[in-house]
Amino acid sequence: MLKTALEKILSLQPRWSNKNTPEMKERGRLIREAIQPGMENLTGNIDWVVEGDFLVEASDGIGNKARVPWVRIYNPFRSPKTTQG
């Protein structure tokens, strides 16, 4: 599922727009509904990760669409914000 979602996101990238076009709506849906949950599942299956140690956050932009969507896996105590840690 992650691989398929990533492939689809990459196929949508050449049609990037900062507007909420149908392609960008689909990219955002994939980020929120496939990539973020998929990464959460991965972190839950790593032996050395204690449940709650790491969280997953993802975005394709707030308001205008970001050129590059992102996902971060982070420890909230070490990196409470995307700009800190």
Protein backbone atom coordinates (compact mmCIF):
# COMPACT_ATOMS: atom_id res chain seq x y z
CA MET A 1 0.00 0.00 0.00
CA LEU A 2 2.81 2.45 0.86
CA LYS A 3 4.65 1.68 -2.36
CA THR A 4 1.53 2.16 -4.46
CA ALA A 5 0.68 5.43 -2.71
CA LEU A 6 4.23 6.75 -3.16
CA GLU A 7 4.21 5.82 -6.84
CA LYS A 8 0.90 7.63 -7.33
CA ILE A 9 2.14 10.73 -5.48
CA LEU A 10 5.26 10.80 -7.64
CA SER A 11 3.14 10.46 -10.78
CA LEU A 12 1.11 13.50 -9.65
CA GLN A 13 4.15 15.68 -8.92
CA PRO A 14 4.69 16.87 -12.53
CA ARG A 15 1.17 18.37 -12.34
CA TRP A 16 1.92 20.29 -9.14
CA SER A 17 -0.09 23.42 -8.54
CA ASN A 18 -0.40 25.54 -5.42
CA LYS A 19 -4.15 25.46 -6.07
CA ASN A 20 -6.46 22.68 -4.91
CA THR A 21 -6.78 21.03 -8.34
CA PRO A 22 -8.17 17.49 -8.62
CA GLU A 23 -4.60 16.16 -8.84
CA MET A 24 -3.54 18.04 -5.72
CA LYS A 25 -6.66 16.89 -3.87
CA GLU A 26 -5.71 13.30 -4.72
CA ARG A 27 -2.11 13.88 -3.60
CA GLY A 28 -3.33 15.30 -0.28
CA ARG A 29 -5.71 12.39 0.23
CA LEU A 30 -2.88 9.93 -0.37
CA ILE A 31 -0.60 11.74 2.07
CA ARG A 32 -3.23 11.79 4.81
CA GLU A 33 -5.00 8.46 4.21
CA ALA A 34 -2.21 6.17 2.96
CA ILE A 35 1.25 7.53 3.71
CA GLN A 36 0.74 8.77 7.26
CA PRO A 37 -1.14 5.66 8.47
CA GLY A 38 1.30 3.41 6.60
CA MET A 39 4.26 5.02 8.34
CA GLU A 40 2.46 4.77 11.69
CA ASN A 41 2.07 1.03 11.09
CA LEU A 42 5.76 0.72 10.27
CA THR A 43 6.87 2.46 13.46
CA GLY A 44 4.55 0.21 15.47
CA ASN A 45 6.32 -2.87 14.07
CA ILE A 46 9.90 -1.95 14.97
CA ASP A 47 11.17 -3.95 17.94
CA TRP A 48 13.21 -1.19 19.58
CA VAL A 49 10.46 1.43 19.36
CA VAL A 50 8.44 1.75 22.55
CA GLU A 51 4.82 2.54 21.82
CA GLY A 52 4.34 6.28 21.97
CA ASP A 53 8.06 7.05 21.45
CA PHE A 54 7.51 8.16 17.88
CA LEU A 55 4.66 9.92 16.15
CA VAL A 56 4.05 10.50 12.45
CA GLU A 57 3.00 13.80 10.94
CA ALA A 58 2.41 14.53 7.26
CA SER A 59 1.24 17.46 5.16
CA ASP A 60 0.84 18.64 1.61
CA GLY A 61 0.34 22.26 2.64
CA ILE A 62 -1.99 24.39 4.66
CA GLY A 63 -3.94 26.75 2.44
CA ASN A 64 -1.87 26.63 -0.74
CA LYS A 65 -0.43 23.25 -1.73
CA ALA A 66 3.25 22.75 -0.96
CA ARG A 67 5.51 21.90 -3.87
CA VAL A 68 6.93 19.03 -1.83
CA PRO A 69 4.64 17.06 0.50
CA TRP A 70 6.38 15.77 3.60
CA VAL A 71 6.22 13.15 6.31
CA ARG A 72 8.14 13.19 9.55
CA ILE A 73 8.63 10.48 12.13
CA TYR A 74 9.57 12.14 15.37
CA ASN A 75 9.85 11.91 19.12
CA PRO A 76 7.63 14.66 20.56
CA PHE A 77 10.02 15.28 23.46
CA ARG A 78 13.05 15.77 21.20
CA SER A 79 11.29 17.51 18.33
CA PRO A 80 8.01 19.07 19.45
CA LYS A 81 7.64 21.16 16.27
CA THR A 82 8.73 20.72 12.68
CA THR A 83 11.01 23.73 13.17
CA GLN A 84 12.51 22.51 16.44
CA GLY A 85 14.60 19.48 17.24
